[in-house]
Amino acid sequence: MADPRRTRPRGPRRRRRRAEDRVTGAFRAGDRVQLTGHKGRRNTITLTSGGVFHTHRGTLAHDLLIGAPDGSVVTGSDGTTYLALKPLLTDYVMSMPRGAAIVYPKDAGQILASADIALGQRVVEAGVGSGALTLWLLRAIGETGTLHSVERRQEFADVAADNVAGFFGGAPDRWTLTTGDLAEVLDAGEPEVADRVVLDMLAPWEVVPAVQRALSPGGVVLAYIATVPQLSRVVEALRDSGAFTEPLSTETMVRGWHVDGLAVRPDHRMVAHTGFLVTARRLADGAVAPRSTRRAPKEFADEDVELWTPGAIGEREKSPKRIRKAARQAAEIADARTAAPAGDLPADSDD
């Protein structure tokens, strides 16, 4: 089997445009543009020379946007006006094709803060899914850091690779994408090769020994899990290893507010539980952390532990048809972003 450390995103190396071309300046062919109509409906399109955005009411020529500054307002053939903006990373991940469920921005931001992801770090990520968290990590570590993403399902890895290429205009040199088992990948490499390890997987407690070997002393491990049984199991595994500080468990909830003059109140809907975050830091070899004053956990039987296994917890599966559709859409976006082919392209509705 090929060395997993040398595995790169599939396909030929694509030309990567400068980051500043994407974030600032006038619209160019190949740019992703978010169009917002007068009723607040949003559509995201990829600009092509001579391309046309079609709606049930009329059309909008892409050439009206190419060369115009970000934040412009343009008018379609039916008189509808559109606000045109380059999508923020939040906009991009919420509208990109999905082969698997994504890490939502509210959790991605908290992951960057809790794991202390910073410029120049060596980061290992397990469970790439559709690549949403991968994008946040790549931007946080900058050009001087490295990210090694491990995904056990090839079809998810393919979608993630194209979503990353669609945002950055190609596969960043600092990113390695491996299809395989995280424990095997880490055990095949050198020890202490990571400053941070981020786990978004069904049973993170199974890879604690491998993470212990790969993480540098003082480094942070963060697990993103969905259920209470998973939360309990991963915390106890980190404690039992004796190689980490006392795990910290949190969740993040976001509630918007309606503000209209003096009519100020919380929104009726909020983004509540999406997942738990568990963080701990690697102790130096041989170090013993001060004893916790917490009460000893109650004993449990083997049959109780069996209820926490991946098979008992279950995993929500995407249908093969939906995964193929997401892969096709992600590839189209990536190709348009990197090569800006001529012709009309369909828009992605964000609503």
Protein backbone atom coordinates (compact mmCIF):
# COMPACT_ATOMS: atom_id res chain seq x y z
CA MET A 1 0.00 0.00 0.00
CA ALA A 2 1.26 3.46 -0.86
CA ASP A 3 2.60 5.64 1.91
CA PRO A 4 -0.53 7.49 3.16
CA ARG A 5 1.51 10.55 4.05
CA ARG A 6 2.12 11.14 0.33
CA THR A 7 -1.48 10.91 -0.73
CA ARG A 8 -2.74 14.16 -2.27
CA PRO A 9 -6.19 15.32 -3.40
CA ARG A 10 -7.23 13.41 -6.52
CA GLY A 11 -6.76 14.66 -10.05
CA PRO A 12 -4.05 16.80 -11.63
CA ARG A 13 -2.63 19.76 -9.76
CA ARG A 14 -4.74 22.75 -10.68
CA ARG A 15 -3.60 26.31 -11.04
CA ARG A 16 -4.20 28.12 -7.77
CA ARG A 17 -5.18 31.78 -7.90
CA ARG A 18 -3.95 34.22 -5.31
CA ALA A 19 -6.09 34.50 -2.20
CA GLU A 20 -6.36 38.27 -2.52
CA ASP A 21 -7.97 37.86 -5.95
CA ARG A 22 -10.78 35.94 -4.31
CA VAL A 23 -11.33 38.17 -1.31
CA THR A 24 -10.93 41.67 -2.65
CA GLY A 25 -11.13 43.61 -5.91
CA ALA A 26 -13.42 43.47 -8.91
CA PHE A 27 -15.33 40.41 -10.05
CA ARG A 28 -13.51 38.18 -12.51
CA ALA A 29 -14.45 35.19 -14.62
CA GLY A 30 -14.35 32.10 -12.42
CA ASP A 31 -15.37 33.99 -9.26
CA ARG A 32 -18.24 32.76 -7.13
CA VAL A 33 -20.83 35.52 -6.65
CA GLN A 34 -23.79 35.62 -4.28
CA LEU A 35 -26.82 37.40 -5.75
CA THR A 36 -29.51 38.68 -3.38
CA GLY A 37 -32.85 39.77 -4.86
CA HIS A 38 -35.34 42.28 -3.48
CA LYS A 39 -37.17 39.57 -1.48
CA GLY A 40 -33.97 38.39 0.15
CA ARG A 41 -33.65 35.23 -1.92
CA ARG A 42 -30.01 34.32 -2.54
CA ASN A 43 -28.42 32.46 -5.42
CA THR A 44 -24.74 31.69 -5.88
CA ILE A 45 -23.32 31.58 -9.40
CA THR A 46 -19.90 31.10 -10.99
CA LEU A 47 -19.06 33.89 -13.42
CA THR A 48 -18.14 32.98 -16.99
CA SER A 49 -17.54 35.29 -19.93
CA GLY A 50 -20.77 35.34 -21.93
CA GLY A 51 -22.64 33.35 -19.27
CA VAL A 52 -26.24 34.04 -18.27
CA PHE A 53 -28.05 33.56 -14.96
CA HIS A 54 -31.62 32.38 -15.60
CA THR A 55 -34.64 32.76 -13.31
CA HIS A 56 -38.34 32.15 -13.92
CA ARG A 57 -38.73 35.92 -14.32
CA GLY A 58 -35.79 36.86 -16.52
CA THR A 59 -32.04 36.72 -17.04
CA LEU A 60 -28.89 38.42 -15.82
CA ALA A 61 -25.79 38.53 -18.04
CA HIS A 62 -22.57 37.59 -16.26
CA ASP A 63 -20.75 40.27 -18.24
CA LEU A 64 -22.62 42.92 -16.23
CA LEU A 65 -20.72 41.72 -13.18
CA ILE A 66 -17.29 40.90 -14.63
CA GLY A 67 -15.12 43.95 -13.94
CA ALA A 68 -17.63 45.48 -11.50
CA PRO A 69 -16.53 46.05 -7.86
CA ASP A 70 -17.63 43.75 -5.06
CA GLY A 71 -20.87 45.01 -3.51
CA SER A 72 -22.35 46.23 -6.80
CA VAL A 73 -26.08 46.33 -7.59
CA VAL A 74 -27.07 45.15 -11.08
CA THR A 75 -30.41 44.90 -12.91
CA GLY A 76 -31.71 41.85 -14.75
CA SER A 77 -33.70 41.77 -17.99
CA ASP A 78 -37.00 41.89 -16.08
CA GLY A 79 -36.00 44.92 -13.99
CA THR A 80 -35.15 42.90 -10.87
CA THR A 81 -32.19 44.35 -8.98
CA TYR A 82 -29.56 42.13 -7.37
CA LEU A 83 -26.93 42.87 -4.77
CA ALA A 84 -23.74 41.07 -5.84
CA LEU A 85 -21.16 40.07 -3.23
CA LYS A 86 -18.29 37.63 -3.12
CA PRO A 87 -19.39 34.90 -0.69
CA LEU A 88 -17.83 34.80 2.73
CA LEU A 89 -16.45 31.44 3.81
CA THR A 90 -19.64 30.99 5.85
CA ASP A 91 -21.72 31.55 2.72
CA TYR A 92 -19.59 29.14 0.72
CA VAL A 93 -19.78 26.22 3.16
CA MET A 94 -23.53 26.63 3.63
CA SER A 95 -24.20 26.45 -0.13
CA MET A 96 -21.52 24.04 -1.35
CA PRO A 97 -22.43 20.46 -2.42
CA ARG A 98 -22.55 18.02 0.46
CA GLY A 99 -21.66 14.36 0.40
CA ALA A 100 -21.86 14.23 4.19
CA ALA A 101 -23.17 16.53 6.90
CA ILE A 102 -21.00 19.60 7.44
CA VAL A 103 -19.59 21.24 10.55
CA TYR A 104 -21.67 24.41 10.79
CA PRO A 105 -19.98 27.82 11.11
CA LYS A 106 -20.99 28.26 14.75
CA ASP A 107 -19.10 25.09 15.65
CA ALA A 108 -16.24 25.68 13.22
CA GLY A 109 -15.50 29.04 14.82
CA GLN A 110 -15.56 27.52 18.29
CA ILE A 111 -13.30 24.67 17.14
CA LEU A 112 -10.71 27.16 15.89
CA ALA A 113 -10.82 28.96 19.25
CA SER A 114 -10.98 25.92 21.54
CA ALA A 115 -8.21 24.04 19.72
CA ASP A 116 -6.20 27.28 19.41
CA ILE A 117 -5.65 26.80 15.68
CA ALA A 118 -3.08 29.35 14.52
CA LEU A 119 -0.71 30.37 11.74
CA GLY A 120 2.04 27.88 10.96
CA GLN A 121 0.73 24.95 12.97
CA ARG A 122 0.81 21.27 11.99
CA VAL A 123 -2.79 20.05 12.16
CA VAL A 124 -4.28 16.60 11.68
CA GLU A 125 -7.99 16.32 10.91
CA ALA A 126 -10.00 13.08 10.95
CA GLY A 127 -13.41 12.86 9.31
CA VAL A 128 -13.32 15.27 6.36
CA GLY A 129 -16.94 14.81 5.29
CA SER A 130 -17.72 17.47 2.68
CA GLY A 131 -14.71 19.63 3.57
CA ALA A 132 -16.37 22.48 5.51
CA LEU A 133 -14.10 22.31 8.57
CA THR A 134 -11.13 21.65 6.27
CA LEU A 135 -11.64 25.07 4.68
CA TRP A 136 -11.68 26.83 8.05
CA LEU A 137 -8.54 24.98 9.17
CA LEU A 138 -6.65 25.72 5.95
CA ARG A 139 -7.37 29.41 6.20
CA ALA A 140 -6.42 29.54 9.90
CA ILE A 141 -3.01 27.85 9.53
CA GLY A 142 -2.05 30.08 6.59
CA GLU A 143 0.63 29.41 3.99
CA THR A 144 3.21 28.31 6.57
CA GLY A 145 1.14 25.62 8.29
CA THR A 146 0.25 22.11 7.20
CA LEU A 147 -3.03 20.19 7.34
CA HIS A 148 -3.28 16.42 6.98
CA SER A 149 -6.92 15.38 6.53
CA VAL A 150 -7.91 11.72 6.83
CA GLU A 151 -11.26 10.42 5.51
CA ARG A 152 -12.16 6.73 5.47
CA ARG A 153 -14.72 7.00 2.63
CA GLN A 154 -13.42 7.73 -0.85
CA GLU A 155 -16.69 9.25 -2.11
CA PHE A 156 -16.65 11.83 0.71
CA ALA A 157 -12.97 12.57 0.10
CA ASP A 158 -13.70 13.26 -3.58
CA VAL A 159 -16.44 15.77 -2.74
CA ALA A 160 -14.23 17.46 -0.13
CA ALA A 161 -11.30 17.74 -2.57
CA ASP A 162 -13.46 19.50 -5.14
CA ASN A 163 -15.07 21.79 -2.55
CA VAL A 164 -11.62 22.87 -1.37
CA ALA A 165 -10.47 23.40 -4.98
CA GLY A 166 -13.65 25.37 -5.65
CA PHE A 167 -12.84 27.80 -2.84
CA PHE A 168 -9.07 28.16 -3.16
CA GLY A 169 -8.86 27.75 -6.93
CA GLY A 170 -6.91 24.50 -6.60
CA ALA A 171 -5.50 22.13 -4.01
CA PRO A 172 -3.30 24.11 -1.56
CA ASP A 173 0.27 22.84 -1.31
CA ARG A 174 -0.02 22.79 2.47
CA TRP A 175 -2.87 20.24 2.38
CA THR A 176 -2.63 16.46 2.25
CA LEU A 177 -5.80 14.36 1.91
CA THR A 178 -5.58 10.66 2.74
CA THR A 179 -8.29 8.03 2.38
CA GLY A 180 -7.92 5.47 5.14
CA ASP A 181 -8.10 4.78 8.87
CA LEU A 182 -6.71 7.50 11.13
CA ALA A 183 -5.00 5.14 13.57
CA GLU A 184 -3.21 3.35 10.74
CA VAL A 185 -2.15 6.62 9.13
CA LEU A 186 -0.79 8.04 12.39
CA ASP A 187 0.95 4.82 13.43
CA ALA A 188 2.66 4.67 10.01
CA GLY A 189 4.22 8.10 10.54
CA GLU A 190 6.73 9.62 12.92
CA PRO A 191 5.78 10.44 16.53
CA GLU A 192 4.97 13.98 17.63
CA VAL A 193 4.14 15.18 14.11
CA ALA A 194 1.13 17.31 15.06
CA ASP A 195 0.50 20.40 17.13
CA ARG A 196 -3.27 19.96 16.97
CA VAL A 197 -5.55 16.98 16.25
CA VAL A 198 -9.22 17.54 15.40
CA LEU A 199 -11.51 14.49 15.45
CA ASP A 200 -14.90 14.54 13.73
CA MET A 201 -15.66 10.83 13.71
CA LEU A 202 -18.10 8.31 15.12
CA ALA A 203 -15.83 6.67 17.72
CA PRO A 204 -12.93 9.02 18.58
CA TRP A 205 -12.13 7.05 21.75
CA GLU A 206 -10.76 4.25 19.55
CA VAL A 207 -7.91 6.45 18.25
CA VAL A 208 -6.79 7.99 21.56
CA PRO A 209 -3.57 5.89 21.69
CA ALA A 210 -2.66 6.90 18.12
CA VAL A 211 -3.41 10.56 18.84
CA GLN A 212 -1.26 10.34 21.99
CA ARG A 213 1.67 9.14 19.88
CA ALA A 214 1.24 11.75 17.15
CA LEU A 215 0.59 14.83 19.30
CA SER A 216 3.45 16.95 20.60
CA PRO A 217 3.58 17.68 24.36
CA GLY A 218 1.34 20.64 25.08
CA GLY A 219 -0.63 20.05 21.90
CA VAL A 220 -4.42 20.06 21.81
CA VAL A 221 -6.78 17.27 20.83
CA LEU A 222 -10.37 18.23 20.08
CA ALA A 223 -13.25 15.82 19.45
CA TYR A 224 -16.50 16.94 17.84
CA ILE A 225 -19.29 14.50 18.66
CA ALA A 226 -23.07 14.53 18.44
CA THR A 227 -24.52 12.42 21.27
CA VAL A 228 -24.29 12.15 25.05
CA PRO A 229 -23.07 8.50 24.98
CA GLN A 230 -20.25 9.51 22.64
CA LEU A 231 -19.40 12.45 24.91
CA SER A 232 -19.12 10.19 27.97
CA ARG A 233 -17.05 7.58 26.18
CA VAL A 234 -14.45 9.91 24.69
CA VAL A 235 -13.99 11.83 27.96
CA GLU A 236 -13.40 8.62 29.91
CA ALA A 237 -10.96 7.36 27.25
CA LEU A 238 -8.90 10.54 27.50
CA ARG A 239 -8.87 10.27 31.30
CA ASP A 240 -7.92 6.60 31.30
CA SER A 241 -4.97 7.20 28.97
CA GLY A 242 -3.23 9.30 31.60
CA ALA A 243 -1.57 11.28 28.82
CA PHE A 244 -3.88 14.30 28.72
CA THR A 245 -5.14 17.07 30.95
CA GLU A 246 -8.67 16.86 32.33
CA PRO A 247 -11.02 17.06 29.30
CA LEU A 248 -13.24 20.11 28.92
CA SER A 249 -16.71 19.52 27.44
CA THR A 250 -18.84 22.30 25.92
CA GLU A 251 -21.56 23.01 23.37
CA THR A 252 -22.36 26.21 21.50
CA MET A 253 -25.78 27.72 20.88
CA VAL A 254 -26.52 30.76 18.72
CA ARG A 255 -29.65 32.89 19.00
CA GLY A 256 -30.33 35.77 16.63
CA TRP A 257 -32.22 38.94 17.56
CA HIS A 258 -34.88 40.88 15.69
CA VAL A 259 -34.05 44.60 15.74
CA ASP A 260 -36.44 47.10 14.14
CA GLY A 261 -36.40 50.48 15.85
CA LEU A 262 -37.69 49.92 19.37
CA ALA A 263 -39.04 46.48 18.48
CA VAL A 264 -36.13 44.45 19.81
CA ARG A 265 -36.62 40.81 20.79
CA PRO A 266 -34.98 37.39 20.39
CA ASP A 267 -35.75 35.55 17.16
CA HIS A 268 -38.36 32.84 17.48
CA ARG A 269 -35.90 30.30 16.09
CA MET A 270 -32.32 29.58 17.14
CA VAL A 271 -29.48 27.23 16.25
CA ALA A 272 -29.26 25.09 19.36
CA HIS A 273 -27.48 21.75 19.76
CA THR A 274 -25.44 20.51 16.82
CA GLY A 275 -22.60 18.84 18.67
CA PHE A 276 -20.33 18.69 21.71
CA LEU A 277 -16.71 19.81 21.78
CA VAL A 278 -14.23 17.94 24.00
CA THR A 279 -10.74 19.38 24.36
CA ALA A 280 -7.64 18.23 26.25
CA ARG A 281 -3.90 18.89 26.10
CA ARG A 282 -1.09 16.38 25.74
CA LEU A 283 1.10 15.91 28.81
CA ALA A 284 4.84 15.39 28.52
CA ASP A 285 5.92 11.75 28.57
CA GLY A 286 6.07 10.55 32.16
CA ALA A 287 4.26 13.59 33.52
CA VAL A 288 1.41 13.01 35.97
CA ALA A 289 -1.21 15.74 36.22
CA PRO A 290 -2.36 16.85 39.70
CA ARG A 291 -5.15 14.61 40.92
CA SER A 292 -8.63 15.87 40.23
CA THR A 293 -10.97 16.48 43.14
CA ARG A 294 -13.91 15.18 41.11
CA ARG A 295 -15.86 12.27 42.51
CA ALA A 296 -15.04 8.82 41.21
CA PRO A 297 -17.43 7.73 38.45
CA LYS A 298 -20.02 5.14 39.15
CA GLU A 299 -19.16 1.63 38.01
CA PHE A 300 -20.73 0.26 34.87
CA ALA A 301 -20.99 -3.17 33.33
CA ASP A 302 -19.70 -4.46 29.99
CA GLU A 303 -23.21 -4.47 28.56
CA ASP A 304 -23.46 -0.75 29.31
CA VAL A 305 -20.29 -0.09 27.34
CA GLU A 306 -21.65 -2.15 24.44
CA LEU A 307 -24.49 0.35 24.09
CA TRP A 308 -21.90 3.03 23.27
CA THR A 309 -20.25 1.20 20.38
CA PRO A 310 -20.50 2.63 16.85
CA GLY A 311 -22.86 -0.14 15.77
CA ALA A 312 -25.28 0.61 18.58
CA ILE A 313 -25.05 4.38 18.15
CA GLY A 314 -25.66 4.12 14.41
CA GLU A 315 -24.60 6.44 11.64
CA ARG A 316 -26.87 8.40 9.36
CA GLU A 317 -26.09 7.40 5.81
CA LYS A 318 -26.45 9.51 2.69
CA SER A 319 -27.97 7.71 -0.29
CA PRO A 320 -25.50 6.83 -3.09
CA LYS A 321 -27.57 8.93 -5.50
CA ARG A 322 -27.25 12.02 -3.30
CA ILE A 323 -23.51 11.50 -2.89
CA ARG A 324 -23.04 11.17 -6.67
CA LYS A 325 -25.01 14.37 -7.21
CA ALA A 326 -22.91 16.26 -4.65
CA ALA A 327 -19.71 14.94 -6.24
CA ARG A 328 -20.83 16.07 -9.68
CA GLN A 329 -21.78 19.57 -8.43
CA ALA A 330 -18.54 19.97 -6.48
CA ALA A 331 -16.48 18.96 -9.52
CA GLU A 332 -18.32 21.49 -11.72
CA ILE A 333 -17.65 24.29 -9.22
CA ALA A 334 -13.99 23.33 -8.86
CA ASP A 335 -13.45 23.18 -12.63
CA ALA A 336 -15.16 26.56 -13.15
CA ARG A 337 -13.18 28.14 -10.32
CA THR A 338 -9.82 26.97 -11.62
CA ALA A 339 -10.31 27.07 -15.39
CA ALA A 340 -13.28 29.46 -15.86
CA PRO A 341 -14.74 27.57 -18.86
CA ALA A 342 -17.10 29.37 -21.24
CA GLY A 343 -20.84 28.68 -21.30
CA ASP A 344 -23.81 29.01 -19.04
CA LEU A 345 -23.67 27.54 -15.55
CA PRO A 346 -26.66 26.83 -13.28
CA ALA A 347 -26.94 28.76 -10.06
CA ASP A 348 -26.95 27.28 -6.59
CA SER A 349 -29.91 28.43 -4.50
CA ASP A 350 -28.86 29.25 -0.93
CA ASP A 351 -32.44 29.39 0.34
